[in-house]
Amino acid sequence: MEVTRVLIVDDHSLFRKGIRGILSAEPSIEVVGEASNGLEACEQAKHLMPDIVLMDINMPECSGVEATKRIKEDFPQMKIVMLTVEEDDHFLFKAIKSGAQGYLLKNLEPEELISHIKGIMRGEAPISKSMASKILLEFANISKTTPREGQGDRKELSFREKEVLRMVAQGATNKEIGAALCISENTVRNHLRNILEKLQLDNRVQAAAYATREGIL
């Protein structure tokens, strides 16, 4: 069984211990360390080399956003997910643009957190549903949703591919999409790969932004 190594970063000790307790109960997840601010997070990330960093935003000495930027510069393969109480658009966009793979609010259920962590290792980008529409509207206007240079017109999506794309744009995970459409997660991944190829896009965030802009929702 492959184990996912997690670093928890938050300036509240009680919260860190609570998250550690939740994750430690899952055999496929190992909490390898904790940090109480952004500077410690950078040091621990370098020393421990976790697969995933759960990062708070507002912390003393060095914010989570700044720490994310520094860590991603040195370790671009390391996955960082903001776990915060902040629902402000300003923090959301700064976190994503700094390199964070996801943005989750602290009011989620323990089983949701575990599910998101597993999803991250499958290539998903977890965003709390209450924040999904905000980030999609932001990214719907960026040039990344245009066809890549040198490629022709986008191909038409099938009915099933549009169903999958619609749920991606609503912030659903591959598991949730599969359950809703009565198909396997592997089939969902195949549909997503075809969608990206047909739309000439690079990832599911761009695909979701495209769906928002084109009215597929």
N, C-alpha and C. Protein backbone atom coordinates (compact mmCIF):
# COMPACT_ATOMS: atom_id res chain seq x y z
N MET A 1 0.83 -1.20 0.00
CA MET A 1 0.00 0.00 0.00
C MET A 1 0.87 1.26 0.00
N GLU A 2 0.60 2.14 -0.94
CA GLU A 2 1.37 3.38 -1.03
C GLU A 2 0.86 4.38 0.01
N VAL A 3 1.78 4.96 0.77
CA VAL A 3 1.43 5.88 1.86
C VAL A 3 1.72 7.31 1.44
N THR A 4 0.76 8.20 1.69
CA THR A 4 0.91 9.62 1.39
C THR A 4 1.45 10.35 2.60
N ARG A 5 2.56 11.04 2.43
CA ARG A 5 3.23 11.76 3.53
C ARG A 5 2.72 13.20 3.58
N VAL A 6 2.25 13.63 4.76
CA VAL A 6 1.60 14.94 4.90
C VAL A 6 2.30 15.79 5.95
N LEU A 7 2.49 17.06 5.64
CA LEU A 7 2.99 18.06 6.58
C LEU A 7 1.85 19.01 6.91
N ILE A 8 1.60 19.24 8.20
CA ILE A 8 0.52 20.12 8.64
C ILE A 8 1.11 21.45 9.09
N VAL A 9 0.61 22.56 8.52
CA VAL A 9 1.12 23.89 8.85
C VAL A 9 -0.02 24.77 9.34
N ASP A 10 0.04 25.17 10.62
CA ASP A 10 -0.99 26.03 11.20
C ASP A 10 -0.44 26.61 12.49
N ASP A 11 -0.78 27.86 12.79
CA ASP A 11 -0.23 28.48 13.99
C ASP A 11 -1.00 28.13 15.26
N HIS A 12 -2.05 27.33 15.14
CA HIS A 12 -2.81 26.89 16.32
C HIS A 12 -2.49 25.43 16.61
N SER A 13 -1.83 25.20 17.72
CA SER A 13 -1.40 23.85 18.08
C SER A 13 -2.58 22.90 18.20
N LEU A 14 -3.68 23.35 18.78
CA LEU A 14 -4.84 22.49 18.97
C LEU A 14 -5.39 22.01 17.63
N PHE A 15 -5.41 22.90 16.64
CA PHE A 15 -5.91 22.52 15.31
C PHE A 15 -4.97 21.50 14.66
N ARG A 16 -3.66 21.73 14.77
CA ARG A 16 -2.70 20.80 14.20
C ARG A 16 -2.87 19.40 14.79
N LYS A 17 -3.03 19.35 16.11
CA LYS A 17 -3.18 18.05 16.78
C LYS A 17 -4.47 17.38 16.34
N GLY A 18 -5.52 18.17 16.15
CA GLY A 18 -6.79 17.60 15.71
C GLY A 18 -6.69 17.00 14.32
N ILE A 19 -6.04 17.72 13.39
CA ILE A 19 -5.85 17.22 12.04
C ILE A 19 -4.95 15.97 12.04
N ARG A 20 -3.91 16.02 12.87
CA ARG A 20 -3.02 14.86 12.98
C ARG A 20 -3.80 13.62 13.43
N GLY A 21 -4.67 13.81 14.41
CA GLY A 21 -5.47 12.69 14.92
C GLY A 21 -6.38 12.12 13.85
N ILE A 22 -7.00 13.00 13.06
CA ILE A 22 -7.90 12.55 11.99
C ILE A 22 -7.13 11.77 10.93
N LEU A 23 -6.01 12.32 10.49
CA LEU A 23 -5.26 11.69 9.41
C LEU A 23 -4.53 10.42 9.86
N SER A 24 -4.12 10.38 11.11
CA SER A 24 -3.38 9.22 11.61
C SER A 24 -4.25 7.97 11.67
N ALA A 25 -5.57 8.16 11.67
CA ALA A 25 -6.48 7.02 11.71
C ALA A 25 -6.63 6.37 10.34
N GLU A 26 -6.07 7.00 9.29
CA GLU A 26 -6.16 6.49 7.93
C GLU A 26 -4.83 5.79 7.58
N PRO A 27 -4.85 4.48 7.35
CA PRO A 27 -3.61 3.73 7.10
C PRO A 27 -2.79 4.22 5.92
N SER A 28 -3.45 4.81 4.93
CA SER A 28 -2.74 5.23 3.72
C SER A 28 -2.14 6.63 3.83
N ILE A 29 -2.27 7.25 5.01
CA ILE A 29 -1.75 8.60 5.21
C ILE A 29 -0.83 8.63 6.43
N GLU A 30 0.34 9.26 6.27
CA GLU A 30 1.28 9.41 7.38
C GLU A 30 1.58 10.90 7.59
N VAL A 31 1.33 11.40 8.80
CA VAL A 31 1.69 12.78 9.12
C VAL A 31 3.16 12.78 9.52
N VAL A 32 4.00 13.41 8.69
CA VAL A 32 5.44 13.35 8.92
C VAL A 32 5.96 14.53 9.73
N GLY A 33 5.12 15.57 9.91
CA GLY A 33 5.59 16.72 10.67
C GLY A 33 4.57 17.81 10.79
N GLU A 34 4.91 18.82 11.62
CA GLU A 34 4.05 19.99 11.83
C GLU A 34 4.91 21.24 11.78
N ALA A 35 4.28 22.37 11.47
CA ALA A 35 4.95 23.67 11.49
C ALA A 35 3.94 24.71 11.95
N SER A 36 4.42 25.73 12.67
CA SER A 36 3.52 26.73 13.24
C SER A 36 3.53 28.05 12.48
N ASN A 37 4.37 28.18 11.46
CA ASN A 37 4.37 29.39 10.64
C ASN A 37 5.02 29.09 9.28
N GLY A 38 4.98 30.07 8.39
CA GLY A 38 5.48 29.86 7.05
C GLY A 38 6.96 29.54 6.97
N LEU A 39 7.78 30.18 7.83
CA LEU A 39 9.21 29.92 7.82
C LEU A 39 9.52 28.48 8.22
N GLU A 40 8.83 28.03 9.27
CA GLU A 40 9.00 26.64 9.69
C GLU A 40 8.53 25.69 8.60
N ALA A 41 7.47 26.08 7.91
CA ALA A 41 6.93 25.24 6.83
C ALA A 41 7.98 25.02 5.74
N CYS A 42 8.68 26.09 5.37
CA CYS A 42 9.71 25.99 4.34
C CYS A 42 10.84 25.07 4.78
N GLU A 43 11.25 25.20 6.03
CA GLU A 43 12.33 24.37 6.57
C GLU A 43 11.91 22.90 6.64
N GLN A 44 10.69 22.68 7.14
CA GLN A 44 10.20 21.31 7.29
C GLN A 44 9.97 20.65 5.94
N ALA A 45 9.49 21.43 4.97
CA ALA A 45 9.26 20.89 3.63
C ALA A 45 10.58 20.40 3.03
N LYS A 46 11.63 21.19 3.21
CA LYS A 46 12.95 20.83 2.69
C LYS A 46 13.51 19.61 3.39
N HIS A 47 13.30 19.55 4.70
CA HIS A 47 13.87 18.46 5.50
C HIS A 47 13.09 17.16 5.36
N LEU A 48 11.74 17.25 5.33
CA LEU A 48 10.90 16.06 5.36
C LEU A 48 10.44 15.59 3.99
N MET A 49 10.42 16.48 3.01
CA MET A 49 9.98 16.17 1.65
C MET A 49 8.63 15.44 1.64
N PRO A 50 7.58 16.09 2.17
CA PRO A 50 6.25 15.46 2.17
C PRO A 50 5.66 15.43 0.77
N ASP A 51 4.66 14.58 0.58
CA ASP A 51 3.92 14.56 -0.68
C ASP A 51 2.96 15.74 -0.74
N ILE A 52 2.34 16.04 0.41
CA ILE A 52 1.32 17.09 0.49
C ILE A 52 1.58 17.97 1.71
N VAL A 53 1.40 19.27 1.53
CA VAL A 53 1.46 20.23 2.64
C VAL A 53 0.07 20.83 2.82
N LEU A 54 -0.50 20.68 4.01
CA LEU A 54 -1.76 21.35 4.35
C LEU A 54 -1.39 22.67 4.99
N MET A 55 -1.69 23.78 4.32
CA MET A 55 -1.15 25.09 4.68
C MET A 55 -2.24 26.08 5.09
N ASP A 56 -2.09 26.64 6.29
CA ASP A 56 -2.97 27.74 6.71
C ASP A 56 -2.51 29.01 6.00
N ILE A 57 -3.36 30.03 5.95
CA ILE A 57 -3.00 31.27 5.26
C ILE A 57 -2.42 32.31 6.21
N ASN A 58 -3.20 32.70 7.21
CA ASN A 58 -2.76 33.77 8.12
C ASN A 58 -1.94 33.20 9.27
N MET A 59 -0.63 33.43 9.21
CA MET A 59 0.28 32.96 10.26
C MET A 59 1.35 34.02 10.52
N PRO A 60 1.93 34.03 11.72
CA PRO A 60 2.98 35.02 12.03
C PRO A 60 4.27 34.73 11.28
N GLU A 61 5.09 35.77 11.14
CA GLU A 61 6.43 35.71 10.53
C GLU A 61 6.43 35.52 9.02
N CYS A 62 5.64 34.58 8.54
CA CYS A 62 5.59 34.33 7.10
C CYS A 62 4.24 33.70 6.79
N SER A 63 3.46 34.32 5.92
CA SER A 63 2.11 33.84 5.62
C SER A 63 2.15 32.53 4.84
N GLY A 64 1.02 31.85 4.81
CA GLY A 64 0.93 30.62 4.05
C GLY A 64 1.11 30.83 2.56
N VAL A 65 0.62 31.96 2.06
CA VAL A 65 0.76 32.26 0.64
C VAL A 65 2.23 32.43 0.27
N GLU A 66 2.97 33.19 1.08
CA GLU A 66 4.39 33.40 0.81
C GLU A 66 5.16 32.09 0.95
N ALA A 67 4.82 31.30 1.96
CA ALA A 67 5.50 30.02 2.15
C ALA A 67 5.23 29.09 0.97
N THR A 68 4.01 29.11 0.47
CA THR A 68 3.66 28.29 -0.70
C THR A 68 4.51 28.68 -1.89
N LYS A 69 4.65 29.96 -2.12
CA LYS A 69 5.44 30.46 -3.24
C LYS A 69 6.90 29.99 -3.12
N ARG A 70 7.46 30.09 -1.92
CA ARG A 70 8.85 29.69 -1.72
C ARG A 70 9.04 28.19 -1.90
N ILE A 71 8.13 27.40 -1.35
CA ILE A 71 8.24 25.95 -1.44
C ILE A 71 8.12 25.49 -2.89
N LYS A 72 7.16 26.07 -3.63
CA LYS A 72 6.95 25.66 -5.01
C LYS A 72 8.12 26.05 -5.91
N GLU A 73 8.83 27.11 -5.55
CA GLU A 73 10.02 27.49 -6.32
C GLU A 73 11.11 26.44 -6.19
N ASP A 74 11.25 25.88 -4.99
CA ASP A 74 12.30 24.88 -4.74
C ASP A 74 11.84 23.46 -5.07
N PHE A 75 10.55 23.19 -4.82
CA PHE A 75 10.03 21.84 -5.01
C PHE A 75 8.70 21.91 -5.77
N PRO A 76 8.75 22.14 -7.07
CA PRO A 76 7.52 22.30 -7.85
C PRO A 76 6.62 21.07 -7.85
N GLN A 77 7.20 19.89 -7.58
CA GLN A 77 6.41 18.67 -7.56
C GLN A 77 5.61 18.51 -6.27
N MET A 78 5.96 19.25 -5.23
CA MET A 78 5.29 19.12 -3.94
C MET A 78 3.89 19.74 -4.02
N LYS A 79 2.91 19.03 -3.52
CA LYS A 79 1.52 19.49 -3.62
C LYS A 79 1.15 20.24 -2.34
N ILE A 80 0.61 21.45 -2.52
CA ILE A 80 0.24 22.28 -1.38
C ILE A 80 -1.24 22.63 -1.47
N VAL A 81 -1.96 22.40 -0.37
CA VAL A 81 -3.39 22.70 -0.30
C VAL A 81 -3.63 23.65 0.86
N MET A 82 -4.28 24.76 0.59
CA MET A 82 -4.62 25.69 1.65
C MET A 82 -5.80 25.14 2.44
N LEU A 83 -5.67 25.10 3.75
CA LEU A 83 -6.74 24.65 4.64
C LEU A 83 -6.99 25.80 5.61
N THR A 84 -8.07 26.55 5.39
CA THR A 84 -8.21 27.85 6.04
C THR A 84 -9.66 28.20 6.33
N VAL A 85 -9.86 29.25 7.14
CA VAL A 85 -11.20 29.77 7.40
C VAL A 85 -11.52 30.92 6.46
N GLU A 86 -10.53 31.36 5.68
CA GLU A 86 -10.68 32.54 4.84
C GLU A 86 -11.52 32.24 3.58
N GLU A 87 -12.67 32.93 3.46
CA GLU A 87 -13.52 32.79 2.28
C GLU A 87 -13.40 34.00 1.36
N ASP A 88 -12.50 34.91 1.67
CA ASP A 88 -12.32 36.11 0.87
C ASP A 88 -11.68 35.79 -0.48
N ASP A 89 -12.23 36.37 -1.56
CA ASP A 89 -11.69 36.15 -2.91
C ASP A 89 -10.20 36.48 -2.98
N HIS A 90 -9.81 37.53 -2.27
CA HIS A 90 -8.43 38.01 -2.32
C HIS A 90 -7.46 36.89 -1.93
N PHE A 91 -7.75 36.21 -0.82
CA PHE A 91 -6.87 35.14 -0.35
C PHE A 91 -6.92 33.94 -1.30
N LEU A 92 -8.11 33.64 -1.78
CA LEU A 92 -8.28 32.51 -2.69
C LEU A 92 -7.40 32.64 -3.92
N PHE A 93 -7.50 33.80 -4.60
CA PHE A 93 -6.76 33.99 -5.84
C PHE A 93 -5.26 34.07 -5.60
N LYS A 94 -4.85 34.71 -4.50
CA LYS A 94 -3.43 34.79 -4.19
C LYS A 94 -2.85 33.40 -3.93
N ALA A 95 -3.62 32.57 -3.24
CA ALA A 95 -3.14 31.22 -2.92
C ALA A 95 -2.97 30.38 -4.18
N ILE A 96 -3.97 30.41 -5.06
CA ILE A 96 -3.91 29.62 -6.28
C ILE A 96 -2.79 30.12 -7.19
N LYS A 97 -2.65 31.43 -7.30
CA LYS A 97 -1.62 31.99 -8.17
C LYS A 97 -0.22 31.77 -7.61
N SER A 98 -0.11 31.53 -6.30
CA SER A 98 1.20 31.27 -5.71
C SER A 98 1.64 29.83 -5.95
N GLY A 99 0.72 29.00 -6.44
CA GLY A 99 1.09 27.62 -6.76
C GLY A 99 0.33 26.55 -6.01
N ALA A 100 -0.62 26.95 -5.15
CA ALA A 100 -1.38 25.95 -4.39
C ALA A 100 -2.25 25.09 -5.31
N GLN A 101 -2.32 23.80 -5.02
CA GLN A 101 -3.12 22.88 -5.83
C GLN A 101 -4.60 22.87 -5.43
N GLY A 102 -4.91 23.42 -4.27
CA GLY A 102 -6.29 23.39 -3.81
C GLY A 102 -6.55 24.39 -2.71
N TYR A 103 -7.83 24.57 -2.38
CA TYR A 103 -8.23 25.56 -1.39
C TYR A 103 -9.44 25.00 -0.65
N LEU A 104 -9.24 24.57 0.59
CA LEU A 104 -10.31 23.96 1.37
C LEU A 104 -10.59 24.77 2.63
N LEU A 105 -11.85 24.85 2.98
CA LEU A 105 -12.25 25.55 4.20
C LEU A 105 -12.24 24.59 5.38
N LYS A 106 -11.95 25.12 6.56
CA LYS A 106 -11.78 24.28 7.73
C LYS A 106 -13.08 23.69 8.26
N ASN A 107 -14.21 24.06 7.69
CA ASN A 107 -15.48 23.53 8.17
C ASN A 107 -15.87 22.22 7.50
N LEU A 108 -14.97 21.62 6.71
CA LEU A 108 -15.29 20.36 6.06
C LEU A 108 -15.25 19.21 7.06
N GLU A 109 -15.93 18.12 6.73
CA GLU A 109 -15.99 16.95 7.60
C GLU A 109 -14.68 16.16 7.50
N PRO A 110 -14.31 15.42 8.57
CA PRO A 110 -13.06 14.65 8.55
C PRO A 110 -12.95 13.71 7.37
N GLU A 111 -14.04 13.01 7.03
CA GLU A 111 -13.97 12.07 5.90
C GLU A 111 -13.79 12.80 4.57
N GLU A 112 -14.27 14.06 4.50
CA GLU A 112 -14.06 14.85 3.29
C GLU A 112 -12.59 15.20 3.12
N LEU A 113 -11.93 15.56 4.23
CA LEU A 113 -10.51 15.89 4.18
C LEU A 113 -9.70 14.69 3.70
N ILE A 114 -9.97 13.52 4.25
CA ILE A 114 -9.26 12.31 3.84
C ILE A 114 -9.50 12.02 2.36
N SER A 115 -10.75 12.17 1.93
CA SER A 115 -11.09 11.94 0.53
C SER A 115 -10.35 12.90 -0.39
N HIS A 116 -10.26 14.17 0.02
CA HIS A 116 -9.56 15.17 -0.79
C HIS A 116 -8.07 14.85 -0.89
N ILE A 117 -7.47 14.42 0.22
CA ILE A 117 -6.04 14.10 0.21
C ILE A 117 -5.77 12.94 -0.76
N LYS A 118 -6.61 11.94 -0.74
CA LYS A 118 -6.46 10.82 -1.68
C LYS A 118 -6.65 11.31 -3.12
N GLY A 119 -7.59 12.23 -3.31
CA GLY A 119 -7.84 12.77 -4.64
C GLY A 119 -6.67 13.56 -5.18
N ILE A 120 -5.99 14.29 -4.29
CA ILE A 120 -4.83 15.09 -4.70
C ILE A 120 -3.77 14.19 -5.32
N MET A 121 -3.55 13.03 -4.72
CA MET A 121 -2.53 12.11 -5.22
C MET A 121 -2.96 11.47 -6.55
N ARG A 122 -4.24 11.58 -6.89
CA ARG A 122 -4.71 11.10 -8.19
C ARG A 122 -4.73 12.21 -9.23
N GLY A 123 -4.26 13.39 -8.82
CA GLY A 123 -4.19 14.50 -9.76
C GLY A 123 -5.35 15.46 -9.69
N GLU A 124 -6.23 15.32 -8.70
CA GLU A 124 -7.37 16.23 -8.57
C GLU A 124 -6.93 17.52 -7.87
N ALA A 125 -7.71 18.58 -8.09
CA ALA A 125 -7.42 19.87 -7.47
C ALA A 125 -8.59 20.24 -6.58
N PRO A 126 -8.53 19.92 -5.29
CA PRO A 126 -9.68 20.12 -4.41
C PRO A 126 -9.94 21.59 -4.08
N ILE A 127 -11.18 22.00 -4.26
CA ILE A 127 -11.61 23.35 -3.90
C ILE A 127 -12.97 23.23 -3.23
N SER A 128 -13.12 23.81 -2.05
CA SER A 128 -14.41 23.77 -1.38
C SER A 128 -15.49 24.30 -2.32
N LYS A 129 -16.63 23.62 -2.35
CA LYS A 129 -17.67 23.96 -3.32
C LYS A 129 -18.12 25.42 -3.20
N SER A 130 -18.11 25.96 -1.99
CA SER A 130 -18.53 27.34 -1.82
C SER A 130 -17.58 28.33 -2.48
N MET A 131 -16.33 27.87 -2.76
CA MET A 131 -15.33 28.73 -3.37
C MET A 131 -15.17 28.45 -4.86
N ALA A 132 -15.70 27.32 -5.32
CA ALA A 132 -15.45 26.89 -6.71
C ALA A 132 -15.91 27.92 -7.73
N SER A 133 -17.11 28.47 -7.54
CA SER A 133 -17.63 29.41 -8.54
C SER A 133 -16.78 30.66 -8.63
N LYS A 134 -16.20 31.08 -7.52
CA LYS A 134 -15.36 32.28 -7.51
C LYS A 134 -14.09 32.08 -8.33
N ILE A 135 -13.44 30.95 -8.13
CA ILE A 135 -12.20 30.74 -8.86
C ILE A 135 -12.46 30.45 -10.33
N LEU A 136 -13.57 29.80 -10.63
CA LEU A 136 -13.88 29.52 -12.03
C LEU A 136 -14.16 30.81 -12.80
N LEU A 137 -14.86 31.74 -12.18
CA LEU A 137 -15.14 33.01 -12.84
C LEU A 137 -13.85 33.80 -13.06
N GLU A 138 -12.92 33.68 -12.11
CA GLU A 138 -11.64 34.36 -12.25
C GLU A 138 -10.84 33.78 -13.42
N PHE A 139 -10.76 32.46 -13.47
CA PHE A 139 -9.96 31.82 -14.50
C PHE A 139 -10.65 31.77 -15.86
N ALA A 140 -11.96 32.01 -15.88
CA ALA A 140 -12.67 31.99 -17.15
C ALA A 140 -12.22 33.11 -18.07
N ASN A 141 -11.59 34.13 -17.52
CA ASN A 141 -11.19 35.29 -18.32
C ASN A 141 -9.71 35.30 -18.69
N ILE A 142 -9.00 34.27 -18.29
CA ILE A 142 -7.56 34.30 -18.57
C ILE A 142 -7.27 33.66 -19.91
N SER A 143 -6.15 34.00 -20.47
CA SER A 143 -5.82 33.54 -21.81
C SER A 143 -5.51 32.07 -21.89
N LYS A 144 -5.29 31.42 -20.76
CA LYS A 144 -4.96 30.00 -20.78
C LYS A 144 -6.10 29.16 -21.32
N THR A 145 -7.29 29.68 -21.37
CA THR A 145 -8.41 28.89 -21.86
C THR A 145 -8.53 28.97 -23.37
N THR A 146 -7.62 29.69 -24.03
CA THR A 146 -7.62 29.74 -25.50
C THR A 146 -6.85 28.56 -26.04
N PRO A 147 -7.06 28.14 -27.28
CA PRO A 147 -6.34 26.99 -27.83
C PRO A 147 -4.84 27.21 -27.81
N ARG A 148 -4.08 26.14 -27.60
CA ARG A 148 -2.63 26.24 -27.61
C ARG A 148 -2.15 26.59 -29.01
N GLU A 149 -1.07 27.35 -29.06
CA GLU A 149 -0.53 27.84 -30.33
C GLU A 149 -0.22 26.69 -31.28
N GLY A 150 -0.60 26.86 -32.54
CA GLY A 150 -0.28 25.87 -33.54
C GLY A 150 -1.30 24.77 -33.69
N GLN A 151 -2.39 24.80 -32.89
CA GLN A 151 -3.38 23.75 -32.97
C GLN A 151 -4.65 24.28 -33.60
N GLY A 152 -5.42 23.38 -34.18
CA GLY A 152 -6.63 23.77 -34.89
C GLY A 152 -7.81 23.98 -33.98
N ASP A 153 -9.01 23.94 -34.61
CA ASP A 153 -10.23 24.16 -33.87
C ASP A 153 -10.49 23.03 -32.88
N ARG A 154 -11.18 23.38 -31.79
CA ARG A 154 -11.52 22.37 -30.81
C ARG A 154 -12.59 21.43 -31.37
N LYS A 155 -12.51 20.18 -30.93
CA LYS A 155 -13.47 19.18 -31.39
C LYS A 155 -14.71 19.19 -30.50
N GLU A 156 -15.81 18.74 -31.05
CA GLU A 156 -17.08 18.70 -30.32
C GLU A 156 -17.04 17.62 -29.25
N LEU A 157 -17.55 17.96 -28.06
CA LEU A 157 -17.62 16.99 -26.98
C LEU A 157 -18.86 16.13 -27.12
N SER A 158 -18.75 14.88 -26.66
CA SER A 158 -19.91 14.00 -26.65
C SER A 158 -20.84 14.41 -25.50
N PHE A 159 -22.04 13.85 -25.49
CA PHE A 159 -22.99 14.16 -24.42
C PHE A 159 -22.42 13.78 -23.06
N ARG A 160 -21.81 12.58 -22.97
CA ARG A 160 -21.24 12.13 -21.71
C ARG A 160 -20.08 13.01 -21.27
N GLU A 161 -19.25 13.43 -22.21
CA GLU A 161 -18.12 14.31 -21.88
C GLU A 161 -18.61 15.65 -21.34
N LYS A 162 -19.71 16.15 -21.90
CA LYS A 162 -20.28 17.40 -21.39
C LYS A 162 -20.82 17.22 -19.98
N GLU A 163 -21.39 16.04 -19.69
CA GLU A 163 -21.86 15.76 -18.34
C GLU A 163 -20.69 15.78 -17.35
N VAL A 164 -19.61 15.14 -17.74
CA VAL A 164 -18.42 15.10 -16.88
C VAL A 164 -17.85 16.50 -16.70
N LEU A 165 -17.74 17.25 -17.77
CA LEU A 165 -17.19 18.60 -17.71
C LEU A 165 -18.06 19.50 -16.83
N ARG A 166 -19.36 19.35 -16.92
CA ARG A 166 -20.27 20.14 -16.11
C ARG A 166 -20.03 19.90 -14.62
N MET A 167 -19.82 18.65 -14.24
CA MET A 167 -19.58 18.32 -12.84
C MET A 167 -18.20 18.78 -12.37
N VAL A 168 -17.21 18.74 -13.27
CA VAL A 168 -15.88 19.27 -12.95
C VAL A 168 -15.99 20.75 -12.62
N ALA A 169 -16.77 21.47 -13.42
CA ALA A 169 -16.95 22.91 -13.22
C ALA A 169 -17.70 23.22 -11.93
N GLN A 170 -18.43 22.25 -11.40
CA GLN A 170 -19.14 22.43 -10.14
C GLN A 170 -18.29 22.04 -8.94
N GLY A 171 -17.04 21.64 -9.20
CA GLY A 171 -16.12 21.32 -8.12
C GLY A 171 -16.15 19.88 -7.67
N ALA A 172 -16.80 18.99 -8.43
CA ALA A 172 -16.91 17.58 -8.04
C ALA A 172 -15.59 16.84 -8.25
N THR A 173 -15.31 15.88 -7.40
CA THR A 173 -14.13 15.04 -7.54
C THR A 173 -14.43 13.92 -8.53
N ASN A 174 -13.40 13.19 -8.95
CA ASN A 174 -13.60 12.07 -9.86
C ASN A 174 -14.53 11.02 -9.25
N LYS A 175 -14.37 10.80 -7.94
CA LYS A 175 -15.21 9.82 -7.25
C LYS A 175 -16.67 10.26 -7.27
N GLU A 176 -16.92 11.53 -7.00
CA GLU A 176 -18.28 12.05 -6.99
C GLU A 176 -18.90 12.01 -8.39
N ILE A 177 -18.09 12.31 -9.40
CA ILE A 177 -18.58 12.26 -10.78
C ILE A 177 -18.96 10.83 -11.15
N GLY A 178 -18.09 9.89 -10.79
CA GLY A 178 -18.36 8.50 -11.10
C GLY A 178 -19.64 8.00 -10.45
N ALA A 179 -19.84 8.37 -9.17
CA ALA A 179 -21.03 7.94 -8.44
C ALA A 179 -22.29 8.53 -9.06
N ALA A 180 -22.22 9.81 -9.43
CA ALA A 180 -23.39 10.48 -9.99
C ALA A 180 -23.77 9.95 -11.37
N LEU A 181 -22.77 9.57 -12.15
CA LEU A 181 -23.02 9.11 -13.52
C LEU A 181 -22.99 7.59 -13.66
N CYS A 182 -22.79 6.90 -12.51
CA CYS A 182 -22.77 5.43 -12.50
C CYS A 182 -21.67 4.87 -13.40
N ILE A 183 -20.49 5.46 -13.31
CA ILE A 183 -19.34 4.98 -14.05
C ILE A 183 -18.14 4.90 -13.09
N SER A 184 -17.10 4.19 -13.46
CA SER A 184 -15.93 4.04 -12.60
C SER A 184 -15.06 5.30 -12.63
N GLU A 185 -14.20 5.44 -11.60
CA GLU A 185 -13.27 6.56 -11.57
C GLU A 185 -12.31 6.50 -12.75
N ASN A 186 -11.93 5.29 -13.15
CA ASN A 186 -11.04 5.14 -14.29
C ASN A 186 -11.70 5.66 -15.57
N THR A 187 -13.01 5.40 -15.70
CA THR A 187 -13.75 5.91 -16.87
C THR A 187 -13.83 7.43 -16.82
N VAL A 188 -14.01 7.98 -15.63
CA VAL A 188 -14.03 9.43 -15.47
C VAL A 188 -12.70 10.02 -15.93
N ARG A 189 -11.59 9.41 -15.51
CA ARG A 189 -10.28 9.90 -15.90
C ARG A 189 -10.09 9.84 -17.43
N ASN A 190 -10.60 8.77 -18.03
CA ASN A 190 -10.51 8.65 -19.49
C ASN A 190 -11.30 9.76 -20.18
N HIS A 191 -12.50 10.04 -19.65
CA HIS A 191 -13.31 11.13 -20.21
C HIS A 191 -12.59 12.47 -20.07
N LEU A 192 -11.97 12.70 -18.91
CA LEU A 192 -11.26 13.96 -18.68
C LEU A 192 -10.08 14.09 -19.64
N ARG A 193 -9.37 13.01 -19.86
CA ARG A 193 -8.24 13.04 -20.79
C ARG A 193 -8.73 13.39 -22.20
N ASN A 194 -9.86 12.81 -22.61
CA ASN A 194 -10.42 13.11 -23.93
C ASN A 194 -10.90 14.55 -24.02
N ILE A 195 -11.49 15.04 -22.92
CA ILE A 195 -11.99 16.42 -22.89
C ILE A 195 -10.85 17.41 -23.07
N LEU A 196 -9.76 17.19 -22.32
CA LEU A 196 -8.61 18.09 -22.42
C LEU A 196 -8.01 18.07 -23.81
N GLU A 197 -7.97 16.87 -24.41
CA GLU A 197 -7.41 16.74 -25.75
C GLU A 197 -8.29 17.46 -26.77
N LYS A 198 -9.59 17.27 -26.68
CA LYS A 198 -10.51 17.89 -27.64
C LYS A 198 -10.54 19.41 -27.51
N LEU A 199 -10.47 19.89 -26.25
CA LEU A 199 -10.54 21.34 -26.03
C LEU A 199 -9.18 22.01 -26.09
N GLN A 200 -8.12 21.19 -26.24
CA GLN A 200 -6.76 21.71 -26.33
C GLN A 200 -6.38 22.49 -25.07
N LEU A 201 -6.70 21.90 -23.92
CA LEU A 201 -6.42 22.52 -22.63
C LEU A 201 -5.43 21.65 -21.87
N ASP A 202 -4.88 22.19 -20.78
CA ASP A 202 -3.81 21.51 -20.05
C ASP A 202 -4.25 20.82 -18.76
N ASN A 203 -5.32 21.29 -18.12
CA ASN A 203 -5.71 20.70 -16.85
C ASN A 203 -7.19 20.93 -16.57
N ARG A 204 -7.68 20.36 -15.46
CA ARG A 204 -9.11 20.41 -15.16
C ARG A 204 -9.56 21.80 -14.74
N VAL A 205 -8.67 22.62 -14.19
CA VAL A 205 -9.04 23.99 -13.85
C VAL A 205 -9.36 24.78 -15.11
N GLN A 206 -8.53 24.65 -16.14
CA GLN A 206 -8.79 25.32 -17.40
C GLN A 206 -10.07 24.78 -18.04
N ALA A 207 -10.30 23.47 -17.91
CA ALA A 207 -11.51 22.87 -18.47
C ALA A 207 -12.75 23.42 -17.77
N ALA A 208 -12.68 23.55 -16.44
CA ALA A 208 -13.81 24.08 -15.70
C ALA A 208 -14.06 25.54 -16.06
N ALA A 209 -12.98 26.29 -16.24
CA ALA A 209 -13.12 27.69 -16.65
C ALA A 209 -13.76 27.79 -18.03
N TYR A 210 -13.37 26.91 -18.92
CA TYR A 210 -13.95 26.88 -20.27
C TYR A 210 -15.45 26.61 -20.18
N ALA A 211 -15.83 25.64 -19.33
CA ALA A 211 -17.24 25.29 -19.18
C ALA A 211 -18.05 26.47 -18.67
N THR A 212 -17.46 27.24 -17.75
CA THR A 212 -18.14 28.40 -17.20
C THR A 212 -18.33 29.47 -18.27
N ARG A 213 -17.28 29.74 -19.02
CA ARG A 213 -17.33 30.81 -20.03
C ARG A 213 -18.24 30.45 -21.20
N GLU A 214 -18.26 29.17 -21.57
CA GLU A 214 -19.04 28.74 -22.73
C GLU A 214 -20.48 28.39 -22.38
N GLY A 215 -20.84 28.53 -21.10
CA GLY A 215 -22.23 28.27 -20.72
C GLY A 215 -22.62 26.82 -20.61
N ILE A 216 -21.63 25.92 -20.51
CA ILE A 216 -21.93 24.49 -20.40
C ILE A 216 -22.59 24.18 -19.05
N LEU A 217 -22.34 25.01 -18.04
CA LEU A 217 -23.00 24.83 -16.76
C LEU A 217 -24.51 24.96 -16.88
